[in-house]
């Protein structure tokens, strides 16, 4: 069984995880999506996958802004380790 099949978001409206913007109602929507992620048994797998392949939406408890920041940190860490 793949991690997708075990995800807490299965059965949720996919639109919940793709808020438009990052203020007002979108901020509240992001918080609701992250609440679903918080109880997910495969949050780590989802987050890792999204950091590699997804540019938009809430995945693995991270929004797109948090994911971009994580990618930048990882890139800096790889450069400093080289």
PDB file of N, CA and C in Angstrom:
ATOM      1  N   UNK A   1       0.853  -1.176   0.000  1.00  0.00           N
ATOM      2  CA  UNK A   1       0.000   0.000   0.000  1.00  0.00           C
ATOM      3  C   UNK A   1       0.903   1.245   0.000  1.00  0.00           C
ATOM      4  N   UNK A   2       0.621   2.181  -0.888  1.00  0.00           N
ATOM      5  CA  UNK A   2       1.430   3.398  -0.964  1.00  0.00           C
ATOM      6  C   UNK A   2       1.027   4.368   0.150  1.00  0.00           C
ATOM      7  N   UNK A   3       1.914   5.320   0.418  1.00  0.00           N
ATOM      8  CA  UNK A   3       1.609   6.286   1.469  1.00  0.00           C
ATOM      9  C   UNK A   3       0.374   7.097   1.132  1.00  0.00           C
ATOM     10  N   UNK A   4       0.120   7.324  -0.173  1.00  0.00           N
ATOM     11  CA  UNK A   4      -1.070   8.090  -0.578  1.00  0.00           C
ATOM     12  C   UNK A   4      -2.355   7.444  -0.052  1.00  0.00           C
ATOM     13  N   UNK A   5      -2.368   6.129  -0.065  1.00  0.00           N
ATOM     14  CA  UNK A   5      -3.569   5.401   0.351  1.00  0.00           C
ATOM     15  C   UNK A   5      -3.810   5.470   1.858  1.00  0.00           C
ATOM     16  N   UNK A   6      -2.785   5.830   2.612  1.00  0.00           N
ATOM     17  CA  UNK A   6      -2.893   5.907   4.069  1.00  0.00           C
ATOM     18  C   UNK A   6      -3.080   7.342   4.568  1.00  0.00           C
ATOM     19  N   UNK A   7      -3.083   8.292   3.651  1.00  0.00           N
ATOM     20  CA  UNK A   7      -3.111   9.707   4.020  1.00  0.00           C
ATOM     21  C   UNK A   7      -4.431  10.118   4.675  1.00  0.00           C
ATOM     22  N   UNK A   8      -4.329  10.970   5.674  1.00  0.00           N
ATOM     23  CA  UNK A   8      -5.509  11.477   6.383  1.00  0.00           C
ATOM     24  C   UNK A   8      -6.397  12.325   5.478  1.00  0.00           C
ATOM     25  N   UNK A   9      -5.820  12.879   4.419  1.00  0.00           N
ATOM     26  CA  UNK A   9      -6.581  13.764   3.531  1.00  0.00           C
ATOM     27  C   UNK A   9      -7.446  13.004   2.525  1.00  0.00           C
ATOM     28  N   UNK A  10      -7.257  11.699   2.441  1.00  0.00           N
ATOM     29  CA  UNK A  10      -8.122  10.922   1.540  1.00  0.00           C
ATOM     30  C   UNK A  10      -9.570  11.143   1.943  1.00  0.00           C
ATOM     31  N   UNK A  11     -10.386  11.437   0.976  1.00  0.00           N
ATOM     32  CA  UNK A  11     -11.794  11.684   1.260  1.00  0.00           C
ATOM     33  C   UNK A  11     -12.117  13.145   1.548  1.00  0.00           C
ATOM     34  N   UNK A  12     -11.096  13.959   1.779  1.00  0.00           N
ATOM     35  CA  UNK A  12     -11.311  15.401   1.974  1.00  0.00           C
ATOM     36  C   UNK A  12     -11.452  16.066   0.605  1.00  0.00           C
ATOM     37  N   UNK A  13     -12.077  17.215   0.584  1.00  0.00           N
ATOM     38  CA  UNK A  13     -12.176  17.998  -0.646  1.00  0.00           C
ATOM     39  C   UNK A  13     -10.778  18.499  -1.000  1.00  0.00           C
ATOM     40  N   UNK A  14     -10.235  18.125  -2.163  1.00  0.00           N
ATOM     41  CA  UNK A  14      -8.885  18.569  -2.537  1.00  0.00           C
ATOM     42  C   UNK A  14      -8.718  20.085  -2.529  1.00  0.00           C
ATOM     43  N   UNK A  15      -9.791  20.826  -2.786  1.00  0.00           N
ATOM     44  CA  UNK A  15      -9.706  22.289  -2.807  1.00  0.00           C
ATOM     45  C   UNK A  15      -9.247  22.851  -1.460  1.00  0.00           C
ATOM     46  N   UNK A  16      -9.522  22.136  -0.370  1.00  0.00           N
ATOM     47  CA  UNK A  16      -9.090  22.582   0.950  1.00  0.00           C
ATOM     48  C   UNK A  16      -7.584  22.803   0.988  1.00  0.00           C
ATOM     49  N   UNK A  17      -6.845  21.997   0.261  1.00  0.00           N
ATOM     50  CA  UNK A  17      -5.387  22.011   0.322  1.00  0.00           C
ATOM     51  C   UNK A  17      -4.743  22.961  -0.684  1.00  0.00           C
ATOM     52  N   UNK A  18      -5.559  23.717  -1.401  1.00  0.00           N
ATOM     53  CA  UNK A  18      -5.045  24.658  -2.398  1.00  0.00           C
ATOM     54  C   UNK A  18      -5.684  26.037  -2.227  1.00  0.00           C
ATOM     55  N   UNK A  19      -5.415  26.695  -1.094  1.00  0.00           N
ATOM     56  CA  UNK A  19      -5.970  28.033  -0.885  1.00  0.00           C
ATOM     57  C   UNK A  19      -5.375  29.031  -1.870  1.00  0.00           C
ATOM     58  N   UNK A  20      -6.146  30.043  -2.179  1.00  0.00           N
ATOM     59  CA  UNK A  20      -5.678  31.101  -3.079  1.00  0.00           C
ATOM     60  C   UNK A  20      -5.245  32.275  -2.215  1.00  0.00           C
ATOM     61  N   UNK A  21      -3.955  32.569  -2.208  1.00  0.00           N
ATOM     62  CA  UNK A  21      -3.407  33.645  -1.396  1.00  0.00           C
ATOM     63  C   UNK A  21      -2.874  33.138  -0.075  1.00  0.00           C
ATOM     64  N   UNK A  22      -2.506  34.098   0.784  1.00  0.00           N
ATOM     65  CA  UNK A  22      -1.966  33.709   2.090  1.00  0.00           C
ATOM     66  C   UNK A  22      -2.447  34.621   3.219  1.00  0.00           C
ATOM     67  N   UNK A  23      -3.567  35.298   3.005  1.00  0.00           N
ATOM     68  CA  UNK A  23      -4.127  36.177   4.037  1.00  0.00           C
ATOM     69  C   UNK A  23      -5.634  35.960   4.124  1.00  0.00           C
ATOM     70  N   UNK A  24      -6.219  36.441   5.201  1.00  0.00           N
ATOM     71  CA  UNK A  24      -7.670  36.366   5.368  1.00  0.00           C
ATOM     72  C   UNK A  24      -8.200  34.951   5.293  1.00  0.00           C
ATOM     73  N   UNK A  25      -9.234  34.727   4.465  1.00  0.00           N
ATOM     74  CA  UNK A  25      -9.832  33.398   4.355  1.00  0.00           C
ATOM     75  C   UNK A  25      -8.831  32.324   3.918  1.00  0.00           C
ATOM     76  N   UNK A  26      -7.877  32.685   3.083  1.00  0.00           N
ATOM     77  CA  UNK A  26      -6.882  31.706   2.635  1.00  0.00           C
ATOM     78  C   UNK A  26      -6.013  31.243   3.801  1.00  0.00           C
ATOM     79  N   UNK A  27      -5.712  32.152   4.705  1.00  0.00           N
ATOM     80  CA  UNK A  27      -4.908  31.793   5.878  1.00  0.00           C
ATOM     81  C   UNK A  27      -5.673  30.809   6.760  1.00  0.00           C
ATOM     82  N   UNK A  28      -6.967  31.049   6.931  1.00  0.00           N
ATOM     83  CA  UNK A  28      -7.811  30.140   7.710  1.00  0.00           C
ATOM     84  C   UNK A  28      -7.915  28.781   7.024  1.00  0.00           C
ATOM     85  N   UNK A  29      -8.041  28.790   5.708  1.00  0.00           N
ATOM     86  CA  UNK A  29      -8.123  27.547   4.946  1.00  0.00           C
ATOM     87  C   UNK A  29      -6.821  26.757   5.084  1.00  0.00           C
ATOM     88  N   UNK A  30      -5.695  27.445   5.024  1.00  0.00           N
ATOM     89  CA  UNK A  30      -4.396  26.793   5.195  1.00  0.00           C
ATOM     90  C   UNK A  30      -4.310  26.146   6.571  1.00  0.00           C
ATOM     91  N   UNK A  31      -4.784  26.834   7.588  1.00  0.00           N
ATOM     92  CA  UNK A  31      -4.768  26.285   8.949  1.00  0.00           C
ATOM     93  C   UNK A  31      -5.630  25.031   9.041  1.00  0.00           C
ATOM     94  N   UNK A  32      -6.790  25.036   8.386  1.00  0.00           N
ATOM     95  CA  UNK A  32      -7.655  23.845   8.395  1.00  0.00           C
ATOM     96  C   UNK A  32      -6.973  22.679   7.684  1.00  0.00           C
ATOM     97  N   UNK A  33      -6.325  22.956   6.562  1.00  0.00           N
ATOM     98  CA  UNK A  33      -5.617  21.902   5.830  1.00  0.00           C
ATOM     99  C   UNK A  33      -4.484  21.333   6.680  1.00  0.00           C
ATOM    100  N   UNK A  34      -3.737  22.210   7.335  1.00  0.00           N
ATOM    101  CA  UNK A  34      -2.634  21.758   8.184  1.00  0.00           C
ATOM    102  C   UNK A  34      -3.138  20.937   9.366  1.00  0.00           C
ATOM    103  N   UNK A  35      -4.337  21.239   9.850  1.00  0.00           N
ATOM    104  CA  UNK A  35      -4.923  20.463  10.946  1.00  0.00           C
ATOM    105  C   UNK A  35      -5.190  19.032  10.501  1.00  0.00           C
ATOM    106  N   UNK A  36      -5.619  18.852   9.262  1.00  0.00           N
ATOM    107  CA  UNK A  36      -5.805  17.498   8.721  1.00  0.00           C
ATOM    108  C   UNK A  36      -4.452  16.798   8.675  1.00  0.00           C
ATOM    109  N   UNK A  37      -3.447  17.505   8.184  1.00  0.00           N
ATOM    110  CA  UNK A  37      -2.102  16.930   8.077  1.00  0.00           C
ATOM    111  C   UNK A  37      -1.545  16.537   9.442  1.00  0.00           C
ATOM    112  N   UNK A  38      -1.844  17.325  10.461  1.00  0.00           N
ATOM    113  CA  UNK A  38      -1.261  17.102  11.789  1.00  0.00           C
ATOM    114  C   UNK A  38      -1.552  15.707  12.324  1.00  0.00           C
ATOM    115  N   UNK A  39      -2.697  15.164  11.988  1.00  0.00           N
ATOM    116  CA  UNK A  39      -3.047  13.837  12.472  1.00  0.00           C
ATOM    117  C   UNK A  39      -2.757  12.723  11.485  1.00  0.00           C
ATOM    118  N   UNK A  40      -1.997  13.023  10.458  1.00  0.00           N
ATOM    119  CA  UNK A  40      -1.774  12.058   9.386  1.00  0.00           C
ATOM    120  C   UNK A  40      -0.634  11.092   9.713  1.00  0.00           C
ATOM    121  N   UNK A  41      -0.854   9.793   9.508  1.00  0.00           N
ATOM    122  CA  UNK A  41       0.201   8.819   9.791  1.00  0.00           C
ATOM    123  C   UNK A  41       1.348   8.838   8.777  1.00  0.00           C
ATOM    124  N   UNK A  42       1.157   9.503   7.650  1.00  0.00           N
ATOM    125  CA  UNK A  42       2.206   9.517   6.618  1.00  0.00           C
ATOM    126  C   UNK A  42       2.678  10.941   6.322  1.00  0.00           C
ATOM    127  N   UNK A  43       2.588  11.822   7.317  1.00  0.00           N
ATOM    128  CA  UNK A  43       2.950  13.222   7.107  1.00  0.00           C
ATOM    129  C   UNK A  43       4.397  13.372   6.633  1.00  0.00           C
ATOM    130  N   UNK A  44       5.316  12.603   7.185  1.00  0.00           N
ATOM    131  CA  UNK A  44       6.732  12.736   6.804  1.00  0.00           C
ATOM    132  C   UNK A  44       6.951  12.340   5.348  1.00  0.00           C
ATOM    133  N   UNK A  45       6.335  11.246   4.913  1.00  0.00           N
ATOM    134  CA  UNK A  45       6.472  10.813   3.520  1.00  0.00           C
ATOM    135  C   UNK A  45       5.860  11.833   2.577  1.00  0.00           C
ATOM    136  N   UNK A  46       4.720  12.366   2.936  1.00  0.00           N
ATOM    137  CA  UNK A  46       4.038  13.365   2.120  1.00  0.00           C
ATOM    138  C   UNK A  46       4.889  14.628   2.004  1.00  0.00           C
ATOM    139  N   UNK A  47       5.433  15.084   3.123  1.00  0.00           N
ATOM    140  CA  UNK A  47       6.262  16.294   3.129  1.00  0.00           C
ATOM    141  C   UNK A  47       7.487  16.111   2.241  1.00  0.00           C
ATOM    142  N   UNK A  48       8.153  14.980   2.372  1.00  0.00           N
ATOM    143  CA  UNK A  48       9.350  14.720   1.569  1.00  0.00           C
ATOM    144  C   UNK A  48       9.007  14.690   0.080  1.00  0.00           C
ATOM    145  N   UNK A  49       7.919  14.039  -0.269  1.00  0.00           N
ATOM    146  CA  UNK A  49       7.493  13.960  -1.668  1.00  0.00           C
ATOM    147  C   UNK A  49       7.188  15.358  -2.206  1.00  0.00           C
ATOM    148  N   UNK A  50       6.456  16.131  -1.422  1.00  0.00           N
ATOM    149  CA  UNK A  50       6.067  17.474  -1.861  1.00  0.00           C
ATOM    150  C   UNK A  50       7.272  18.391  -2.015  1.00  0.00           C
ATOM    151  N   UNK A  51       8.251  18.243  -1.141  1.00  0.00           N
ATOM    152  CA  UNK A  51       9.452  19.078  -1.265  1.00  0.00           C
ATOM    153  C   UNK A  51      10.182  18.807  -2.578  1.00  0.00           C
ATOM    154  N   UNK A  52      10.018  17.623  -3.093  1.00  0.00           N
ATOM    155  CA  UNK A  52      10.651  17.283  -4.375  1.00  0.00           C
ATOM    156  C   UNK A  52       9.805  17.670  -5.580  1.00  0.00           C
ATOM    157  N   UNK A  53       8.483  17.510  -5.473  1.00  0.00           N
ATOM    158  CA  UNK A  53       7.652  17.554  -6.674  1.00  0.00           C
ATOM    159  C   UNK A  53       6.536  18.593  -6.714  1.00  0.00           C
ATOM    160  N   UNK A  54       6.140  19.167  -5.591  1.00  0.00           N
ATOM    161  CA  UNK A  54       4.969  20.056  -5.580  1.00  0.00           C
ATOM    162  C   UNK A  54       5.356  21.506  -5.331  1.00  0.00           C
ATOM    163  N   UNK A  55       4.779  22.399  -6.112  1.00  0.00           N
ATOM    164  CA  UNK A  55       5.035  23.829  -5.941  1.00  0.00           C
ATOM    165  C   UNK A  55       3.893  24.554  -5.237  1.00  0.00           C
ATOM    166  N   UNK A  56       2.696  24.022  -5.299  1.00  0.00           N
ATOM    167  CA  UNK A  56       1.542  24.706  -4.718  1.00  0.00           C
ATOM    168  C   UNK A  56       0.809  23.802  -3.739  1.00  0.00           C
ATOM    169  N   UNK A  57       0.043  24.423  -2.881  1.00  0.00           N
ATOM    170  CA  UNK A  57      -0.816  23.678  -1.973  1.00  0.00           C
ATOM    171  C   UNK A  57      -0.161  23.317  -0.651  1.00  0.00           C
ATOM    172  N   UNK A  58      -0.979  22.746   0.218  1.00  0.00           N
ATOM    173  CA  UNK A  58      -0.532  22.262   1.520  1.00  0.00           C
ATOM    174  C   UNK A  58      -0.298  20.764   1.395  1.00  0.00           C
ATOM    175  N   UNK A  59       0.918  20.357   1.695  1.00  0.00           N
ATOM    176  CA  UNK A  59       1.325  18.947   1.631  1.00  0.00           C
ATOM    177  C   UNK A  59       2.201  18.662   2.845  1.00  0.00           C
ATOM    178  N   UNK A  60       1.959  17.576   3.508  1.00  0.00           N
ATOM    179  CA  UNK A  60       2.807  17.207   4.636  1.00  0.00           C
ATOM    180  C   UNK A  60       2.869  18.265   5.719  1.00  0.00           C
ATOM    181  N   UNK A  61       1.795  19.015   5.872  1.00  0.00           N
ATOM    182  CA  UNK A  61       1.737  20.040   6.906  1.00  0.00           C
ATOM    183  C   UNK A  61       2.464  21.328   6.571  1.00  0.00           C
ATOM    184  N   UNK A  62       2.946  21.455   5.338  1.00  0.00           N
ATOM    185  CA  UNK A  62       3.642  22.672   4.918  1.00  0.00           C
ATOM    186  C   UNK A  62       2.897  23.333   3.772  1.00  0.00           C
ATOM    187  N   UNK A  63       2.853  24.671   3.808  1.00  0.00           N
ATOM    188  CA  UNK A  63       2.317  25.379   2.654  1.00  0.00           C
ATOM    189  C   UNK A  63       3.458  25.638   1.673  1.00  0.00           C
ATOM    190  N   UNK A  64       3.135  26.211   0.544  1.00  0.00           N
ATOM    191  CA  UNK A  64       4.147  26.399  -0.499  1.00  0.00           C
ATOM    192  C   UNK A  64       5.285  27.313  -0.064  1.00  0.00           C
ATOM    193  N   UNK A  65       4.997  28.279   0.802  1.00  0.00           N
ATOM    194  CA  UNK A  65       6.036  29.201   1.266  1.00  0.00           C
ATOM    195  C   UNK A  65       7.017  28.480   2.194  1.00  0.00           C
ATOM    196  N   UNK A  66       6.477  27.657   3.076  1.00  0.00           N
ATOM    197  CA  UNK A  66       7.333  26.872   3.974  1.00  0.00           C
ATOM    198  C   UNK A  66       8.165  25.860   3.187  1.00  0.00           C
ATOM    199  N   UNK A  67       7.554  25.289   2.158  1.00  0.00           N
ATOM    200  CA  UNK A  67       8.270  24.314   1.332  1.00  0.00           C
ATOM    201  C   UNK A  67       9.423  24.980   0.583  1.00  0.00           C
ATOM    202  N   UNK A  68       9.180  26.161   0.032  1.00  0.00           N
ATOM    203  CA  UNK A  68      10.258  26.895  -0.652  1.00  0.00           C
ATOM    204  C   UNK A  68      11.402  27.197   0.306  1.00  0.00           C
ATOM    205  N   UNK A  69      11.064  27.616   1.511  1.00  0.00           N
ATOM    206  CA  UNK A  69      12.102  27.913   2.506  1.00  0.00           C
ATOM    207  C   UNK A  69      12.899  26.653   2.843  1.00  0.00           C
ATOM    208  N   UNK A  70      12.226  25.527   2.977  1.00  0.00           N
ATOM    209  CA  UNK A  70      12.922  24.263   3.259  1.00  0.00           C
ATOM    210  C   UNK A  70      13.839  23.883   2.107  1.00  0.00           C
ATOM    211  N   UNK A  71      13.389  24.092   0.885  1.00  0.00           N
ATOM    212  CA  UNK A  71      14.236  23.796  -0.277  1.00  0.00           C
ATOM    213  C   UNK A  71      15.480  24.676  -0.279  1.00  0.00           C
ATOM    214  N   UNK A  72      15.306  25.948   0.052  1.00  0.00           N
ATOM    215  CA  UNK A  72      16.467  26.856   0.108  1.00  0.00           C
ATOM    216  C   UNK A  72      17.443  26.419   1.196  1.00  0.00           C
ATOM    217  N   UNK A  73      16.924  26.064   2.367  1.00  0.00           N
ATOM    218  CA  UNK A  73      17.792  25.589   3.457  1.00  0.00           C
ATOM    219  C   UNK A  73      18.556  24.344   3.033  1.00  0.00           C
ATOM    220  N   UNK A  74      17.858  23.407   2.407  1.00  0.00           N
ATOM    221  CA  UNK A  74      18.511  22.172   1.962  1.00  0.00           C
ATOM    222  C   UNK A  74      19.595  22.465   0.944  1.00  0.00           C
ATOM    223  N   UNK A  75      19.333  23.373   0.025  1.00  0.00           N
ATOM    224  CA  UNK A  75      20.329  23.730  -0.989  1.00  0.00           C
ATOM    225  C   UNK A  75      21.545  24.372  -0.330  1.00  0.00           C
ATOM    226  N   UNK A  76      21.325  25.265   0.637  1.00  0.00           N
ATOM    227  CA  UNK A  76      22.452  25.895   1.351  1.00  0.00           C
ATOM    228  C   UNK A  76      23.259  24.855   2.109  1.00  0.00           C
ATOM    229  N   UNK A  77      22.563  23.925   2.756  1.00  0.00           N
ATOM    230  CA  UNK A  77      23.255  22.881   3.515  1.00  0.00           C
ATOM    231  C   UNK A  77      24.098  21.996   2.602  1.00  0.00           C
ATOM    232  N   UNK A  78      23.568  21.679   1.431  1.00  0.00           N
ATOM    233  CA  UNK A  78      24.338  20.856   0.482  1.00  0.00           C
ATOM    234  C   UNK A  78      25.575  21.605   0.010  1.00  0.00           C
ATOM    235  N   UNK A  79      25.422  22.898  -0.267  1.00  0.00           N
ATOM    236  CA  UNK A  79      26.572  23.698  -0.724  1.00  0.00           C
ATOM    237  C   UNK A  79      27.634  23.806   0.364  1.00  0.00           C
ATOM    238  N   UNK A  80      27.212  24.013   1.607  1.00  0.00           N
ATOM    239  CA  UNK A  80      28.194  24.163   2.682  1.00  0.00           C
ATOM    240  C   UNK A  80      28.862  22.831   3.024  1.00  0.00           C
ATOM    241  N   UNK A  81      28.188  21.722   2.748  1.00  0.00           N
ATOM    242  CA  UNK A  81      28.768  20.401   3.008  1.00  0.00           C
ATOM    243  C   UNK A  81      29.747  19.987   1.915  1.00  0.00           C
ATOM    244  N   UNK A  82      29.651  20.626   0.764  1.00  0.00           N
ATOM    245  CA  UNK A  82      30.511  20.241  -0.373  1.00  0.00           C
ATOM    246  C   UNK A  82      31.907  20.799  -0.257  1.00  0.00           C
TER     247      UNK A  82
END
